[in-house]
C-alpha atoms as a PDB file:
ATOM      1  CA  MET A   1     -56.076  -6.997 -15.812  1.00  0.00           C
ATOM      2  CA  THR A   2     -56.039  -7.221 -19.524  1.00  0.00           C
ATOM      3  CA  PRO A   3     -53.380  -9.195 -21.346  1.00  0.00           C
ATOM      4  CA  ILE A   4     -52.008  -6.004 -22.940  1.00  0.00           C
ATOM      5  CA  ILE A   5     -51.314  -4.473 -19.502  1.00  0.00           C
ATOM      6  CA  LEU A   6     -49.621  -7.686 -18.334  1.00  0.00           C
ATOM      7  CA  ILE A   7     -47.426  -7.814 -21.446  1.00  0.00           C
ATOM      8  CA  ALA A   8     -46.508  -4.108 -21.100  1.00  0.00           C
ATOM      9  CA  THR A   9     -45.639  -4.612 -17.420  1.00  0.00           C
ATOM     10  CA  GLY A  10     -43.531  -7.651 -18.253  1.00  0.00           C
ATOM     11  CA  LEU A  11     -41.705  -5.771 -21.019  1.00  0.00           C
ATOM     12  CA  GLY A  12     -41.110  -2.885 -18.593  1.00  0.00           C
ATOM     13  CA  PHE A  13     -39.449  -5.257 -16.126  1.00  0.00           C
ATOM     14  CA  VAL A  14     -37.319  -6.773 -18.879  1.00  0.00           C
ATOM     15  CA  ALA A  15     -36.270  -3.273 -20.003  1.00  0.00           C
ATOM     16  CA  LEU A  16     -35.341  -2.292 -16.437  1.00  0.00           C
ATOM     17  CA  PHE A  17     -33.394  -5.526 -16.010  1.00  0.00           C
ATOM     18  CA  PHE A  18     -31.583  -4.912 -19.302  1.00  0.00           C
ATOM     19  CA  LEU A  19     -30.703  -1.317 -18.338  1.00  0.00           C
ATOM     20  CA  ALA A  20     -29.191  -2.549 -15.069  1.00  0.00           C
ATOM     21  CA  TRP A  21     -26.517  -4.470 -16.977  1.00  0.00           C
ATOM     22  CA  LYS A  22     -23.845  -3.218 -19.365  1.00  0.00           C
ATOM     23  CA  GLY A  23     -23.233  -4.876 -22.676  1.00  0.00           C
ATOM     24  CA  SER A  24     -20.089  -6.538 -21.276  1.00  0.00           C
ATOM     25  CA  GLY A  25     -22.070  -8.316 -18.592  1.00  0.00           C
ATOM     26  CA  GLU A  26     -21.012  -6.072 -15.697  1.00  0.00           C
ATOM     27  CA  ARG A  27     -23.612  -4.401 -13.554  1.00  0.00           C
ATOM     28  CA  LEU A  28     -23.942  -0.636 -13.735  1.00  0.00           C
ATOM     29  CA  TRP A  29     -24.244  -0.412  -9.958  1.00  0.00           C
ATOM     30  CA  ASP A  30     -22.549  -2.691  -7.482  1.00  0.00           C
ATOM     31  CA  PRO A  31     -22.760  -2.062  -3.727  1.00  0.00           C
ATOM     32  CA  LEU A  32     -19.235  -3.498  -3.274  1.00  0.00           C
ATOM     33  CA  ARG A  33     -17.672  -1.104  -5.784  1.00  0.00           C
ATOM     34  CA  PRO A  34     -17.045   2.572  -5.102  1.00  0.00           C
ATOM     35  CA  ASN A  35     -19.201   5.211  -6.738  1.00  0.00           C
ATOM     36  CA  GLN A  36     -17.682   7.467  -9.389  1.00  0.00           C
ATOM     37  CA  SER A  37     -17.975  10.364  -6.912  1.00  0.00           C
ATOM     38  CA  ASP A  38     -15.898   8.332  -4.410  1.00  0.00           C
ATOM     39  CA  LEU A  39     -12.708   8.174  -6.478  1.00  0.00           C
ATOM     40  CA  ALA A  40      -9.596   7.565  -4.426  1.00  0.00           C
ATOM     41  CA  TRP A  41      -5.844   7.683  -4.883  1.00  0.00           C
ATOM     42  CA  LEU A  42      -2.677   6.260  -3.376  1.00  0.00           C
ATOM     43  CA  GLU A  43       0.233   8.657  -3.028  1.00  0.00           C
ATOM     44  CA  ILE A  44       3.747   7.216  -3.006  1.00  0.00           C
ATOM     45  CA  ARG A  45       5.354   8.828   0.064  1.00  0.00           C
ATOM     46  CA  ASP A  46       8.634   6.902   0.483  1.00  0.00           C
ATOM     47  CA  GLY A  47      10.407   4.730  -2.017  1.00  0.00           C
ATOM     48  CA  ALA A  48      11.485   5.650  -5.493  1.00  0.00           C
ATOM     49  CA  PRO A  49       9.952   7.684  -7.116  1.00  0.00           C
ATOM     50  CA  VAL A  50       8.193   9.872  -4.537  1.00  0.00           C
ATOM     51  CA  GLY A  51       5.289  12.094  -5.565  1.00  0.00           C
ATOM     52  CA  LYS A  52       3.477   9.747  -7.921  1.00  0.00           C
ATOM     53  CA  TRP A  53      -0.228   9.152  -7.377  1.00  0.00           C
ATOM     54  CA  LEU A  54      -2.070   5.988  -8.380  1.00  0.00           C
ATOM     55  CA  ALA A  55      -5.722   6.333  -9.326  1.00  0.00           C
ATOM     56  CA  LEU A  56      -7.878   3.609  -7.777  1.00  0.00           C
ATOM     57  CA  THR A  57     -10.270   2.485 -10.493  1.00  0.00           C
ATOM     58  CA  ASP A  58     -13.236   0.191 -10.004  1.00  0.00           C
ATOM     59  CA  SER A  59     -10.992  -2.897  -9.878  1.00  0.00           C
ATOM     60  CA  SER A  60      -8.396  -4.064  -7.366  1.00  0.00           C
ATOM     61  CA  LEU A  61      -4.897  -2.616  -7.297  1.00  0.00           C
ATOM     62  CA  THR A  62      -2.484  -5.500  -6.723  1.00  0.00           C
ATOM     63  CA  ILE A  63       0.896  -4.856  -5.104  1.00  0.00           C
ATOM     64  CA  GLY A  64       3.963  -7.092  -5.111  1.00  0.00           C
ATOM     65  CA  ARG A  65       7.251  -8.041  -6.727  1.00  0.00           C
ATOM     66  CA  ASN A  66       5.619  -9.990  -9.564  1.00  0.00           C
ATOM     67  CA  GLU A  67       5.413  -8.202 -12.938  1.00  0.00           C
ATOM     68  CA  ARG A  68       1.664  -8.936 -13.188  1.00  0.00           C
ATOM     69  CA  ASN A  69       0.881  -6.525 -10.330  1.00  0.00           C
ATOM     70  CA  ARG A  70      -0.255  -2.989 -11.035  1.00  0.00           C
ATOM     71  CA  LEU A  71       2.196  -1.636  -8.438  1.00  0.00           C
ATOM     72  CA  VAL A  72       5.477  -3.543  -8.751  1.00  0.00           C
ATOM     73  CA  ILE A  73       7.937  -3.101  -5.864  1.00  0.00           C
ATOM     74  CA  ASP A  74      11.298  -4.623  -6.761  1.00  0.00           C
ATOM     75  CA  ASP A  75      12.587  -5.408  -3.275  1.00  0.00           C
ATOM     76  CA  PRO A  76      13.439  -8.762  -1.631  1.00  0.00           C
ATOM     77  CA  ALA A  77      11.274  -7.880   1.388  1.00  0.00           C
ATOM     78  CA  VAL A  78       8.174  -7.834  -0.856  1.00  0.00           C
ATOM     79  CA  ALA A  79       6.372 -11.044  -1.884  1.00  0.00           C
ATOM     80  CA  GLY A  80       5.291 -11.832  -5.443  1.00  0.00           C
ATOM     81  CA  GLN A  81       1.671 -10.984  -4.658  1.00  0.00           C
ATOM     82  CA  HIS A  82       2.036  -9.099  -1.403  1.00  0.00           C
ATOM     83  CA  ALA A  83      -1.183  -7.117  -0.995  1.00  0.00           C
ATOM     84  CA  ALA A  84      -4.140  -5.547  -2.767  1.00  0.00           C
ATOM     85  CA  VAL A  85      -6.302  -2.473  -2.385  1.00  0.00           C
ATOM     86  CA  THR A  86      -9.810  -3.640  -3.244  1.00  0.00           C
ATOM     87  CA  PRO A  87     -13.260  -2.055  -3.517  1.00  0.00           C
ATOM     88  CA  PHE A  88     -15.237  -2.619  -0.324  1.00  0.00           C
ATOM     89  CA  HIS A  89     -18.844  -1.496   0.289  1.00  0.00           C
ATOM     90  CA  GLY A  90     -18.544   1.851  -1.463  1.00  0.00           C
ATOM     91  CA  GLY A  91     -14.980   2.482  -0.249  1.00  0.00           C
ATOM     92  CA  TRP A  92     -11.617   0.734  -0.328  1.00  0.00           C
ATOM     93  CA  ALA A  93      -9.836  -1.841   1.832  1.00  0.00           C
ATOM     94  CA  VAL A  94      -6.246  -3.078   1.969  1.00  0.00           C
ATOM     95  CA  ARG A  95      -5.714  -6.845   2.063  1.00  0.00           C
ATOM     96  CA  ASP A  96      -2.517  -8.612   3.087  1.00  0.00           C
ATOM     97  CA  PHE A  97      -1.583 -11.813   1.255  1.00  0.00           C
ATOM     98  CA  SER A  98       1.914 -12.099   2.735  1.00  0.00           C
ATOM     99  CA  GLY A  99       1.002 -12.807   6.367  1.00  0.00           C
ATOM    100  CA  GLY A 100       2.164  -9.739   8.220  1.00  0.00           C
ATOM    101  CA  GLY A 101       4.113  -7.781   5.650  1.00  0.00           C
ATOM    102  CA  VAL A 102       1.623  -4.908   5.419  1.00  0.00           C
ATOM    103  CA  VAL A 103       1.544  -2.163   8.038  1.00  0.00           C
ATOM    104  CA  LEU A 104      -1.437   0.187   8.238  1.00  0.00           C
ATOM    105  CA  ASN A 105      -0.922   3.254  10.436  1.00  0.00           C
ATOM    106  CA  GLU A 106       1.973   1.520  12.238  1.00  0.00           C
ATOM    107  CA  MET A 107      -0.138  -1.581  12.987  1.00  0.00           C
ATOM    108  CA  PRO A 108       0.565  -4.845  11.105  1.00  0.00           C
ATOM    109  CA  ILE A 109      -2.300  -6.436   9.192  1.00  0.00           C
ATOM    110  CA  ARG A 110      -2.602 -10.212   9.372  1.00  0.00           C
ATOM    111  CA  TYR A 111      -4.315 -12.213   6.594  1.00  0.00           C
ATOM    112  CA  GLY A 112      -7.473 -10.273   5.931  1.00  0.00           C
ATOM    113  CA  GLY A 113      -8.532  -6.784   5.048  1.00  0.00           C
ATOM    114  CA  VAL A 114      -8.982  -3.429   6.735  1.00  0.00           C
ATOM    115  CA  ARG A 115     -11.148  -0.600   5.423  1.00  0.00           C
ATOM    116  CA  LEU A 116      -9.161   2.496   4.453  1.00  0.00           C
ATOM    117  CA  ARG A 117      -9.894   6.000   5.682  1.00  0.00           C
ATOM    118  CA  PRO A 118      -8.493   9.225   4.189  1.00  0.00           C
ATOM    119  CA  GLY A 119      -4.961   9.859   5.406  1.00  0.00           C
ATOM    120  CA  ASP A 120      -4.195   6.201   6.224  1.00  0.00           C
ATOM    121  CA  THR A 121      -0.558   5.209   5.660  1.00  0.00           C
ATOM    122  CA  ILE A 122       0.200   1.801   4.146  1.00  0.00           C
ATOM    123  CA  GLU A 123       3.742   0.409   4.444  1.00  0.00           C
ATOM    124  CA  ILE A 124       4.854  -2.448   2.207  1.00  0.00           C
ATOM    125  CA  GLY A 125       8.535  -3.240   2.506  1.00  0.00           C
ATOM    126  CA  PRO A 126      10.490  -0.002   2.016  1.00  0.00           C
ATOM    127  CA  VAL A 127       7.547   1.810   0.365  1.00  0.00           C
ATOM    128  CA  ARG A 128       4.999   4.007   2.143  1.00  0.00           C
ATOM    129  CA  LEU A 129       1.706   4.892   0.497  1.00  0.00           C
ATOM    130  CA  ARG A 130      -0.960   7.332   1.686  1.00  0.00           C
ATOM    131  CA  TYR A 131      -4.661   6.857   0.888  1.00  0.00           C
ATOM    132  CA  HIS A 132      -6.540   9.963  -0.311  1.00  0.00           C
ATOM    133  CA  GLN A 133     -10.117  10.634  -1.354  1.00  0.00           C
ATOM    134  CA  ALA A 134      -9.419  14.244  -2.326  1.00  0.00           C
ATOM    135  CA  PRO A 135      -8.063  14.808  -5.834  1.00  0.00           C
ATOM    136  CA  PRO A 136      -4.278  15.032  -6.202  1.00  0.00           C
ATOM    137  CA  PRO A 137      -2.620  18.445  -6.523  1.00  0.00           C
ATOM    138  CA  ALA A 138      -2.093  19.860 -10.003  1.00  0.00           C
ATOM    139  CA  TRP A 139       1.681  19.195  -9.900  1.00  0.00           C
ATOM    140  CA  ALA A 140       1.270  15.472  -9.102  1.00  0.00           C
ATOM    141  CA  THR A 141       1.855  12.743 -11.658  1.00  0.00           C
ATOM    142  CA  VAL A 142      -1.243  10.503 -11.715  1.00  0.00           C
ATOM    143  CA  HIS A 143      -0.980   6.953 -13.070  1.00  0.00           C
ATOM    144  CA  THR A 144      -3.790   4.625 -14.047  1.00  0.00           C
ATOM    145  CA  ASP A 145      -1.514   1.936 -15.478  1.00  0.00           C
ATOM    146  CA  GLN A 146       1.308  -0.167 -14.017  1.00  0.00           C
ATOM    147  CA  VAL A 147       3.987   1.549 -11.908  1.00  0.00           C
ATOM    148  CA  LYS A 148       7.374  -0.025 -11.112  1.00  0.00           C
ATOM    149  CA  LEU A 149       9.238   1.039  -7.992  1.00  0.00           C
ATOM    150  CA  VAL A 150      12.880   0.167  -7.457  1.00  0.00           C
ATOM    151  CA  PRO A 151      13.678   1.304  -3.920  1.00  0.00           C
ATOM    152  CA  ALA A 152      17.299   1.648  -2.881  1.00  0.00           C
ATOM    153  CA  SER A 153      18.486  -1.785  -1.815  1.00  0.00           C
ATOM    154  CA  CYS A 154      20.402  -2.452   1.365  1.00  0.00           C
ATOM    155  CA  SER A 155      23.700  -2.576  -0.512  1.00  0.00           C
ATOM    156  CA  GLU A 156      23.027   0.784  -2.206  1.00  0.00           C
ATOM    157  CA  ARG A 157      22.105   2.320   1.152  1.00  0.00           C
ATOM    158  CA  ALA A 158      25.329   0.976   2.630  1.00  0.00           C
ATOM    159  CA  GLN A 159      27.339   2.500  -0.226  1.00  0.00           C
ATOM    160  CA  ALA A 160      25.677   5.877   0.354  1.00  0.00           C
ATOM    161  CA  ARG A 161      26.859   5.899   3.989  1.00  0.00           C
ATOM    162  CA  PRO A 162      30.472   6.571   4.885  1.00  0.00           C
ATOM    163  CA  ALA A 163      32.513   3.407   4.825  1.00  0.00           C
ATOM    164  CA  THR A 164      32.835   1.960   8.312  1.00  0.00           C
ATOM    165  CA  ARG A 165      34.129  -1.415   9.250  1.00  0.00           C
ATOM    166  CA  GLN A 166      31.447  -3.358  11.047  1.00  0.00           C
ATOM    167  CA  ARG A 167      32.274  -6.522  12.893  1.00  0.00           C
ATOM    168  CA  ALA A 168      31.153  -8.340  15.974  1.00  0.00           C
ATOM    169  CA  LEU A 169      32.809  -7.301  19.226  1.00  0.00           C
ATOM    170  CA  SER A 170      35.183  -9.864  20.670  1.00  0.00           C
ATOM    171  CA  HIS A 171      35.609 -10.519  24.404  1.00  0.00           C
ATOM    172  CA  ASP A 172      38.829  -8.490  24.350  1.00  0.00           C
ATOM    173  CA  ASP A 173      36.988  -5.543  22.802  1.00  0.00           C
ATOM    174  CA  LEU A 174      34.314  -5.735  25.469  1.00  0.00           C
ATOM    175  CA  ARG A 175      36.950  -5.849  28.225  1.00  0.00           C
ATOM    176  CA  ARG A 176      38.635  -2.744  26.782  1.00  0.00           C
ATOM    177  CA  VAL A 177      35.320  -0.882  26.698  1.00  0.00           C
ATOM    178  CA  VAL A 178      34.505  -1.873  30.283  1.00  0.00           C
ATOM    179  CA  ARG A 179      38.005  -0.802  31.447  1.00  0.00           C
ATOM    180  CA  PHE A 180      37.646   2.530  29.667  1.00  0.00           C
ATOM    181  CA  PHE A 181      34.336   3.288  31.395  1.00  0.00           C
ATOM    182  CA  GLU A 182      35.658   2.142  34.765  1.00  0.00           C
ATOM    183  CA  GLN A 183      38.616   4.507  34.401  1.00  0.00           C
ATOM    184  CA  GLU A 184      36.317   7.381  33.391  1.00  0.00           C
ATOM    185  CA  LEU A 185      34.105   6.676  36.382  1.00  0.00           C
ATOM    186  CA  GLU A 186      37.126   6.705  38.742  1.00  0.00           C
ATOM    187  CA  ASN A 187      38.413   9.969  37.235  1.00  0.00           C
ATOM    188  CA  ASN A 188      35.010  11.588  37.725  1.00  0.00           C
ATOM    189  CA  ARG A 189      34.884  10.394  41.370  1.00  0.00           C
ATOM    190  CA  ARG A 190      38.344  11.884  42.049  1.00  0.00           C
ATOM    191  CA  GLU A 191      37.285  15.247  40.626  1.00  0.00           C
ATOM    192  CA  ILE A 192      34.260  15.384  42.923  1.00  0.00           C
END
């Protein structure tokens, strides 16, 4: 081959290599990141506020009590960095960093990740999220930035219920209950 053909071939490879990278240094195509046609969303099902949808971009969505997370859940049952939804081989996976505080479809996740499928339900503390690959409905509020959730705390839930005095049963209370049921049983036997 002539030197001109070799130089042109070399320049062609350099041009292809250059086109495969963005100016910021990120690759245009990454097998671990989802494709633009594979956009996904998380719908907030339970917790406050319900009906919001979070767009999953090409980076991880971190979840926890810490203010640096994209989804902040202000609840004592949630760790500072509790979980993350991360790109995984063209789709998405949920990873648990808390050691058992993430439930996927009613099954706890232990340190590690599980690939998400459409319709999967993720529970983190008092909040339930649903994974979707279909676009959200027109009425939904879609967020691409940080969302703060402040679920009703245990004390607020207790205030919403009618006031009842709760205390441990003493031995005397248990004896009274047993006597009551024994008397009811005897009365029923007499009637038969």
